Structures are given as structure tokens and as C-alpha cells.
Amino acid sequence: LTMSLGPQHLNFLDGAHGGALFSLAEKAVRHVA
């Protein structure tokens, strides 16, 4: 599964937000399972 990082995925340091990363990984697990 893929996700392109946009402004909605960033934290206050302008880096990838951990919640967005978790959401991508969790969705991938549920998709396969």
C-alpha cells in the first residue's frame, strides 16, 4: 500500500506524523488480514 506525504501528514516539526505512519501500517495489516 502507498501514501504520498502532504501537509495533512506532517507534525509540528514538518516531519511525517507518527499517527499517519501508524494509520498506513494498520490499514495494510487489516487489508491483508
PDB file of all heavy atoms in Angstrom:
ATOM      1  N   LEU A   1       0.859  -1.169   0.000  1.00  0.00           N
ATOM      2  CA  LEU A   1       0.000   0.000   0.000  1.00  0.00           C
ATOM      3  C   LEU A   1       0.899   1.224   0.000  1.00  0.00           C
ATOM      4  O   LEU A   1       2.025   1.169   0.507  1.00  0.00           O
ATOM      5  CB  LEU A   1      -0.904   0.024   1.234  1.00  0.00           C
ATOM      6  CG  LEU A   1      -2.161  -0.854   1.149  1.00  0.00           C
ATOM      7  CD1 LEU A   1      -1.822  -2.299   1.314  1.00  0.00           C
ATOM      8  CD2 LEU A   1      -3.155  -0.425   2.193  1.00  0.00           C
ATOM      9  N   THR A   2       0.430   2.335  -0.570  1.00  0.00           N
ATOM     10  CA  THR A   2       1.240   3.550  -0.641  1.00  0.00           C
ATOM     11  C   THR A   2       0.484   4.753  -0.086  1.00  0.00           C
ATOM     12  O   THR A   2      -0.748   4.765  -0.037  1.00  0.00           O
ATOM     13  CB  THR A   2       1.676   3.863  -2.089  1.00  0.00           C
ATOM     14  OG1 THR A   2       0.516   4.066  -2.884  1.00  0.00           O
ATOM     15  CG2 THR A   2       2.524   2.751  -2.675  1.00  0.00           C
ATOM     16  N   MET A   3       1.269   5.759   0.311  1.00  0.00           N
ATOM     17  CA  MET A   3       0.721   7.030   0.772  1.00  0.00           C
ATOM     18  C   MET A   3       1.762   8.101   0.478  1.00  0.00           C
ATOM     19  O   MET A   3       2.918   7.963   0.863  1.00  0.00           O
ATOM     20  CB  MET A   3       0.442   6.973   2.276  1.00  0.00           C
ATOM     21  CG  MET A   3      -0.093   8.259   2.871  1.00  0.00           C
ATOM     22  SD  MET A   3      -0.540   8.094   4.629  1.00  0.00           S
ATOM     23  CE  MET A   3       1.092   7.995   5.384  1.00  0.00           C
ATOM     24  N   SER A   4       1.353   9.141  -0.244  1.00  0.00           N
ATOM     25  CA  SER A   4       2.241  10.273  -0.523  1.00  0.00           C
ATOM     26  C   SER A   4       2.042  11.323   0.562  1.00  0.00           C
ATOM     27  O   SER A   4       0.913  11.724   0.836  1.00  0.00           O
ATOM     28  CB  SER A   4       1.947  10.871  -1.892  1.00  0.00           C
ATOM     29  OG  SER A   4       2.262   9.932  -2.897  1.00  0.00           O
ATOM     30  N   LEU A   5       3.135  11.736   1.184  1.00  0.00           N
ATOM     31  CA  LEU A   5       3.045  12.682   2.296  1.00  0.00           C
ATOM     32  C   LEU A   5       2.730  14.090   1.812  1.00  0.00           C
ATOM     33  O   LEU A   5       3.443  14.653   0.981  1.00  0.00           O
ATOM     34  CB  LEU A   5       4.349  12.699   3.094  1.00  0.00           C
ATOM     35  CG  LEU A   5       4.702  11.415   3.853  1.00  0.00           C
ATOM     36  CD1 LEU A   5       6.028  11.583   4.585  1.00  0.00           C
ATOM     37  CD2 LEU A   5       3.597  11.043   4.820  1.00  0.00           C
ATOM     38  N   GLY A   6       1.652  14.618   2.346  1.00  0.00           N
ATOM     39  CA  GLY A   6       1.257  16.001   2.093  1.00  0.00           C
ATOM     40  C   GLY A   6       1.229  16.751   3.412  1.00  0.00           C
ATOM     41  O   GLY A   6       1.583  16.205   4.462  1.00  0.00           O
ATOM     42  N   PRO A   7       0.778  17.988   3.404  1.00  0.00           N
ATOM     43  CA  PRO A   7       0.765  18.789   4.629  1.00  0.00           C
ATOM     44  C   PRO A   7      -0.104  18.184   5.733  1.00  0.00           C
ATOM     45  O   PRO A   7       0.175  18.374   6.914  1.00  0.00           O
ATOM     46  CB  PRO A   7       0.238  20.149   4.187  1.00  0.00           C
ATOM     47  CG  PRO A   7      -0.244  19.987   2.799  1.00  0.00           C
ATOM     48  CD  PRO A   7       0.309  18.729   2.242  1.00  0.00           C
ATOM     49  N   GLN A   8      -1.134  17.429   5.370  1.00  0.00           N
ATOM     50  CA  GLN A   8      -2.012  16.813   6.369  1.00  0.00           C
ATOM     51  C   GLN A   8      -1.339  15.666   7.119  1.00  0.00           C
ATOM     52  O   GLN A   8      -1.862  15.194   8.128  1.00  0.00           O
ATOM     53  CB  GLN A   8      -3.325  16.337   5.721  1.00  0.00           C
ATOM     54  CG  GLN A   8      -3.208  15.108   4.840  1.00  0.00           C
ATOM     55  CD  GLN A   8      -2.822  15.403   3.401  1.00  0.00           C
ATOM     56  OE1 GLN A   8      -2.197  16.407   3.088  1.00  0.00           O
ATOM     57  NE2 GLN A   8      -3.195  14.501   2.504  1.00  0.00           N
ATOM     58  N   HIS A   9      -0.179  15.201   6.653  1.00  0.00           N
ATOM     59  CA  HIS A   9       0.528  14.083   7.276  1.00  0.00           C
ATOM     60  C   HIS A   9       1.675  14.537   8.174  1.00  0.00           C
ATOM     61  O   HIS A   9       2.396  13.701   8.712  1.00  0.00           O
ATOM     62  CB  HIS A   9       1.128  13.171   6.194  1.00  0.00           C
ATOM     63  CG  HIS A   9       0.126  12.613   5.255  1.00  0.00           C
ATOM     64  ND1 HIS A   9       0.002  13.068   3.962  1.00  0.00           N
ATOM     65  CD2 HIS A   9      -0.817  11.653   5.404  1.00  0.00           C
ATOM     66  CE1 HIS A   9      -0.961  12.389   3.356  1.00  0.00           C
ATOM     67  NE2 HIS A   9      -1.480  11.534   4.214  1.00  0.00           N
ATOM     68  N   LEU A  10       1.875  15.840   8.316  1.00  0.00           N
ATOM     69  CA  LEU A  10       3.064  16.353   8.997  1.00  0.00           C
ATOM     70  C   LEU A  10       2.775  16.756  10.436  1.00  0.00           C
ATOM     71  O   LEU A  10       1.681  17.200  10.781  1.00  0.00           O
ATOM     72  CB  LEU A  10       3.623  17.547   8.227  1.00  0.00           C
ATOM     73  CG  LEU A  10       3.956  17.303   6.750  1.00  0.00           C
ATOM     74  CD1 LEU A  10       4.519  18.569   6.123  1.00  0.00           C
ATOM     75  CD2 LEU A  10       4.892  16.122   6.574  1.00  0.00           C
ATOM     76  N   ASN A  11       3.819  16.635  11.273  1.00  0.00           N
ATOM     77  CA  ASN A  11       3.717  17.087  12.650  1.00  0.00           C
ATOM     78  C   ASN A  11       4.215  18.530  12.759  1.00  0.00           C
ATOM     79  O   ASN A  11       4.533  19.155  11.744  1.00  0.00           O
ATOM     80  CB  ASN A  11       4.495  16.148  13.584  1.00  0.00           C
ATOM     81  CG  ASN A  11       5.977  16.067  13.255  1.00  0.00           C
ATOM     82  OD1 ASN A  11       6.565  16.982  12.681  1.00  0.00           O
ATOM     83  ND2 ASN A  11       6.594  14.950  13.616  1.00  0.00           N
ATOM     84  N   PHE A  12       4.326  19.043  13.966  1.00  0.00           N
ATOM     85  CA  PHE A  12       4.722  20.442  14.160  1.00  0.00           C
ATOM     86  C   PHE A  12       6.174  20.718  13.768  1.00  0.00           C
ATOM     87  O   PHE A  12       6.572  21.871  13.658  1.00  0.00           O
ATOM     88  CB  PHE A  12       4.469  20.873  15.613  1.00  0.00           C
ATOM     89  CG  PHE A  12       5.369  20.196  16.617  1.00  0.00           C
ATOM     90  CD1 PHE A  12       6.509  20.834  17.076  1.00  0.00           C
ATOM     91  CD2 PHE A  12       5.068  18.927  17.092  1.00  0.00           C
ATOM     92  CE1 PHE A  12       7.335  20.215  18.000  1.00  0.00           C
ATOM     93  CE2 PHE A  12       5.892  18.306  18.011  1.00  0.00           C
ATOM     94  CZ  PHE A  12       7.030  18.954  18.474  1.00  0.00           C
ATOM     95  N   LEU A  13       6.940  19.674  13.528  1.00  0.00           N
ATOM     96  CA  LEU A  13       8.328  19.827  13.066  1.00  0.00           C
ATOM     97  C   LEU A  13       8.439  19.660  11.552  1.00  0.00           C
ATOM     98  O   LEU A  13       9.541  19.562  11.010  1.00  0.00           O
ATOM     99  CB  LEU A  13       9.228  18.805  13.768  1.00  0.00           C
ATOM    100  CG  LEU A  13       9.301  18.926  15.294  1.00  0.00           C
ATOM    101  CD1 LEU A  13      10.055  17.744  15.886  1.00  0.00           C
ATOM    102  CD2 LEU A  13       9.961  20.241  15.684  1.00  0.00           C
ATOM    103  N   ASP A  14       7.296  19.608  10.863  1.00  0.00           N
ATOM    104  CA  ASP A  14       7.225  19.406   9.415  1.00  0.00           C
ATOM    105  C   ASP A  14       7.791  18.057   8.969  1.00  0.00           C
ATOM    106  O   ASP A  14       8.259  17.903   7.847  1.00  0.00           O
ATOM    107  CB  ASP A  14       7.910  20.545   8.640  1.00  0.00           C
ATOM    108  CG  ASP A  14       7.132  21.836   8.729  1.00  0.00           C
ATOM    109  OD1 ASP A  14       5.890  21.766   8.851  1.00  0.00           O
ATOM    110  OD2 ASP A  14       7.754  22.911   8.686  1.00  0.00           O
ATOM    111  N   GLY A  15       7.725  17.068   9.854  1.00  0.00           N
ATOM    112  CA  GLY A  15       8.105  15.695   9.515  1.00  0.00           C
ATOM    113  C   GLY A  15       6.876  14.808   9.520  1.00  0.00           C
ATOM    114  O   GLY A  15       5.790  15.208   9.963  1.00  0.00           O
ATOM    115  N   ALA A  16       7.033  13.607   9.028  1.00  0.00           N
ATOM    116  CA  ALA A  16       5.915  12.658   8.986  1.00  0.00           C
ATOM    117  C   ALA A  16       5.379  12.421  10.400  1.00  0.00           C
ATOM    118  O   ALA A  16       6.139  12.110  11.320  1.00  0.00           O
ATOM    119  CB  ALA A  16       6.363  11.342   8.362  1.00  0.00           C
ATOM    120  N   HIS A  17       4.080  12.583  10.575  1.00  0.00           N
ATOM    121  CA  HIS A  17       3.437  12.383  11.870  1.00  0.00           C
ATOM    122  C   HIS A  17       3.347  10.888  12.164  1.00  0.00           C
ATOM    123  O   HIS A  17       2.969  10.094  11.290  1.00  0.00           O
ATOM    124  CB  HIS A  17       2.045  13.001  11.847  1.00  0.00           C
ATOM    125  CG  HIS A  17       1.424  13.114  13.191  1.00  0.00           C
ATOM    126  ND1 HIS A  17       0.907  12.039  13.873  1.00  0.00           N
ATOM    127  CD2 HIS A  17       1.237  14.196  13.993  1.00  0.00           C
ATOM    128  CE1 HIS A  17       0.430  12.436  15.027  1.00  0.00           C
ATOM    129  NE2 HIS A  17       0.615  13.751  15.130  1.00  0.00           N
ATOM    130  N   GLY A  18       3.681  10.509  13.392  1.00  0.00           N
ATOM    131  CA  GLY A  18       3.618   9.101  13.780  1.00  0.00           C
ATOM    132  C   GLY A  18       2.234   8.501  13.611  1.00  0.00           C
ATOM    133  O   GLY A  18       2.094   7.326  13.278  1.00  0.00           O
ATOM    134  N   GLY A  19       1.193   9.307  13.805  1.00  0.00           N
ATOM    135  CA  GLY A  19      -0.174   8.808  13.637  1.00  0.00           C
ATOM    136  C   GLY A  19      -0.484   8.465  12.193  1.00  0.00           C
ATOM    137  O   GLY A  19      -1.191   7.492  11.912  1.00  0.00           O
ATOM    138  N   ALA A  20       0.046   9.248  11.268  1.00  0.00           N
ATOM    139  CA  ALA A  20      -0.146   8.946   9.844  1.00  0.00           C
ATOM    140  C   ALA A  20       0.589   7.661   9.467  1.00  0.00           C
ATOM    141  O   ALA A  20       0.065   6.827   8.724  1.00  0.00           O
ATOM    142  CB  ALA A  20       0.333  10.109   8.981  1.00  0.00           C
ATOM    143  N   LEU A  21       1.795   7.492  10.008  1.00  0.00           N
ATOM    144  CA  LEU A  21       2.567   6.275   9.732  1.00  0.00           C
ATOM    145  C   LEU A  21       1.860   5.051  10.308  1.00  0.00           C
ATOM    146  O   LEU A  21       1.765   4.010   9.659  1.00  0.00           O
ATOM    147  CB  LEU A  21       3.976   6.406  10.295  1.00  0.00           C
ATOM    148  CG  LEU A  21       4.814   7.537   9.705  1.00  0.00           C
ATOM    149  CD1 LEU A  21       6.142   7.655  10.445  1.00  0.00           C
ATOM    150  CD2 LEU A  21       5.030   7.346   8.222  1.00  0.00           C
ATOM    151  N   PHE A  22       1.361   5.196  11.547  1.00  0.00           N
ATOM    152  CA  PHE A  22       0.627   4.091  12.163  1.00  0.00           C
ATOM    153  C   PHE A  22      -0.610   3.756  11.329  1.00  0.00           C
ATOM    154  O   PHE A  22      -0.908   2.579  11.105  1.00  0.00           O
ATOM    155  CB  PHE A  22       0.214   4.432  13.597  1.00  0.00           C
ATOM    156  CG  PHE A  22      -0.485   3.289  14.288  1.00  0.00           C
ATOM    157  CD1 PHE A  22       0.240   2.341  14.988  1.00  0.00           C
ATOM    158  CD2 PHE A  22      -1.867   3.153  14.207  1.00  0.00           C
ATOM    159  CE1 PHE A  22      -0.407   1.277  15.608  1.00  0.00           C
ATOM    160  CE2 PHE A  22      -2.517   2.094  14.818  1.00  0.00           C
ATOM    161  CZ  PHE A  22      -1.785   1.154  15.531  1.00  0.00           C
ATOM    162  N   SER A  23      -1.337   4.775  10.877  1.00  0.00           N
ATOM    163  CA  SER A  23      -2.548   4.540  10.089  1.00  0.00           C
ATOM    164  C   SER A  23      -2.251   3.774   8.807  1.00  0.00           C
ATOM    165  O   SER A  23      -3.001   2.868   8.433  1.00  0.00           O
ATOM    166  CB  SER A  23      -3.236   5.861   9.753  1.00  0.00           C
ATOM    167  OG  SER A  23      -3.764   6.459  10.910  1.00  0.00           O
ATOM    168  N   LEU A  24      -1.164   4.127   8.125  1.00  0.00           N
ATOM    169  CA  LEU A  24      -0.784   3.406   6.906  1.00  0.00           C
ATOM    170  C   LEU A  24      -0.474   1.944   7.224  1.00  0.00           C
ATOM    171  O   LEU A  24      -0.977   1.034   6.560  1.00  0.00           O
ATOM    172  CB  LEU A  24       0.432   4.070   6.251  1.00  0.00           C
ATOM    173  CG  LEU A  24       1.070   3.321   5.076  1.00  0.00           C
ATOM    174  CD1 LEU A  24       0.083   3.143   3.927  1.00  0.00           C
ATOM    175  CD2 LEU A  24       2.325   4.049   4.613  1.00  0.00           C
ATOM    176  N   ALA A  25       0.330   1.708   8.247  1.00  0.00           N
ATOM    177  CA  ALA A  25       0.721   0.341   8.594  1.00  0.00           C
ATOM    178  C   ALA A  25      -0.475  -0.475   9.089  1.00  0.00           C
ATOM    179  O   ALA A  25      -0.647  -1.638   8.707  1.00  0.00           O
ATOM    180  CB  ALA A  25       1.831   0.367   9.637  1.00  0.00           C
ATOM    181  N   GLU A  26      -1.325   0.126   9.905  1.00  0.00           N
ATOM    182  CA  GLU A  26      -2.503  -0.579  10.428  1.00  0.00           C
ATOM    183  C   GLU A  26      -3.460  -0.934   9.297  1.00  0.00           C
ATOM    184  O   GLU A  26      -4.014  -2.022   9.253  1.00  0.00           O
ATOM    185  CB  GLU A  26      -3.194   0.290  11.480  1.00  0.00           C
ATOM    186  CG  GLU A  26      -4.377  -0.367  12.165  1.00  0.00           C
ATOM    187  CD  GLU A  26      -5.708  -0.102  11.492  1.00  0.00           C
ATOM    188  OE1 GLU A  26      -5.792   0.828  10.667  1.00  0.00           O
ATOM    189  OE2 GLU A  26      -6.676  -0.834  11.779  1.00  0.00           O
ATOM    190  N   LYS A  27      -3.656  -0.012   8.367  1.00  0.00           N
ATOM    191  CA  LYS A  27      -4.534  -0.289   7.225  1.00  0.00           C
ATOM    192  C   LYS A  27      -3.972  -1.432   6.387  1.00  0.00           C
ATOM    193  O   LYS A  27      -4.718  -2.278   5.895  1.00  0.00           O
ATOM    194  CB  LYS A  27      -4.722   0.965   6.366  1.00  0.00           C
ATOM    195  CG  LYS A  27      -5.620   0.745   5.175  1.00  0.00           C
ATOM    196  CD  LYS A  27      -7.007   0.262   5.615  1.00  0.00           C
ATOM    197  CE  LYS A  27      -7.893   0.002   4.413  1.00  0.00           C
ATOM    198  NZ  LYS A  27      -9.248  -0.380   4.830  1.00  0.00           N
ATOM    199  N   ALA A  28      -2.660  -1.456   6.248  1.00  0.00           N
ATOM    200  CA  ALA A  28      -2.031  -2.526   5.477  1.00  0.00           C
ATOM    201  C   ALA A  28      -2.288  -3.887   6.130  1.00  0.00           C
ATOM    202  O   ALA A  28      -2.625  -4.861   5.446  1.00  0.00           O
ATOM    203  CB  ALA A  28      -0.530  -2.255   5.345  1.00  0.00           C
ATOM    204  N   VAL A  29      -2.154  -3.959   7.449  1.00  0.00           N
ATOM    205  CA  VAL A  29      -2.427  -5.215   8.161  1.00  0.00           C
ATOM    206  C   VAL A  29      -3.879  -5.635   7.953  1.00  0.00           C
ATOM    207  O   VAL A  29      -4.162  -6.776   7.588  1.00  0.00           O
ATOM    208  CB  VAL A  29      -2.125  -5.073   9.673  1.00  0.00           C
ATOM    209  CG1 VAL A  29      -2.712  -6.245  10.462  1.00  0.00           C
ATOM    210  CG2 VAL A  29      -0.631  -4.966   9.914  1.00  0.00           C
ATOM    211  N   ARG A  30      -4.802  -4.721   8.191  1.00  0.00           N
ATOM    212  CA  ARG A  30      -6.222  -5.068   8.066  1.00  0.00           C
ATOM    213  C   ARG A  30      -6.592  -5.431   6.630  1.00  0.00           C
ATOM    214  O   ARG A  30      -7.413  -6.319   6.398  1.00  0.00           O
ATOM    215  CB  ARG A  30      -7.100  -3.947   8.589  1.00  0.00           C
ATOM    216  CG  ARG A  30      -7.062  -3.852  10.114  1.00  0.00           C
ATOM    217  CD  ARG A  30      -7.917  -2.749  10.678  1.00  0.00           C
ATOM    218  NE  ARG A  30      -9.232  -2.648  10.096  1.00  0.00           N
ATOM    219  CZ  ARG A  30     -10.327  -3.298  10.529  1.00  0.00           C
ATOM    220  NH1 ARG A  30     -10.234  -4.119  11.548  1.00  0.00           N
ATOM    221  NH2 ARG A  30     -11.484  -3.115   9.940  1.00  0.00           N
ATOM    222  N   HIS A  31      -5.970  -4.775   5.655  1.00  0.00           N
ATOM    223  CA  HIS A  31      -6.238  -5.081   4.250  1.00  0.00           C
ATOM    224  C   HIS A  31      -5.850  -6.526   3.931  1.00  0.00           C
ATOM    225  O   HIS A  31      -6.615  -7.263   3.301  1.00  0.00           O
ATOM    226  CB  HIS A  31      -5.473  -4.110   3.357  1.00  0.00           C
ATOM    227  CG  HIS A  31      -5.723  -4.296   1.904  1.00  0.00           C
ATOM    228  ND1 HIS A  31      -6.894  -3.892   1.289  1.00  0.00           N
ATOM    229  CD2 HIS A  31      -4.958  -4.859   0.936  1.00  0.00           C
ATOM    230  CE1 HIS A  31      -6.838  -4.199   0.007  1.00  0.00           C
ATOM    231  NE2 HIS A  31      -5.677  -4.780  -0.231  1.00  0.00           N
ATOM    232  N   VAL A  32      -4.683  -6.932   4.370  1.00  0.00           N
ATOM    233  CA  VAL A  32      -4.226  -8.296   4.101  1.00  0.00           C
ATOM    234  C   VAL A  32      -5.020  -9.305   4.925  1.00  0.00           C
ATOM    235  O   VAL A  32      -5.422 -10.351   4.415  1.00  0.00           O
ATOM    236  CB  VAL A  32      -2.712  -8.422   4.380  1.00  0.00           C
ATOM    237  CG1 VAL A  32      -2.255  -9.863   4.319  1.00  0.00           C
ATOM    238  CG2 VAL A  32      -1.935  -7.579   3.380  1.00  0.00           C
ATOM    239  N   ALA A  33      -5.252  -8.992   6.195  1.00  0.00           N
ATOM    240  CA  ALA A  33      -5.939  -9.937   7.077  1.00  0.00           C
ATOM    241  C   ALA A  33      -7.398 -10.156   6.674  1.00  0.00           C
ATOM    242  O   ALA A  33      -7.980 -11.180   7.025  1.00  0.00           O
ATOM    243  CB  ALA A  33      -5.860  -9.447   8.524  1.00  0.00           C
TER     244      ALA A  33
END
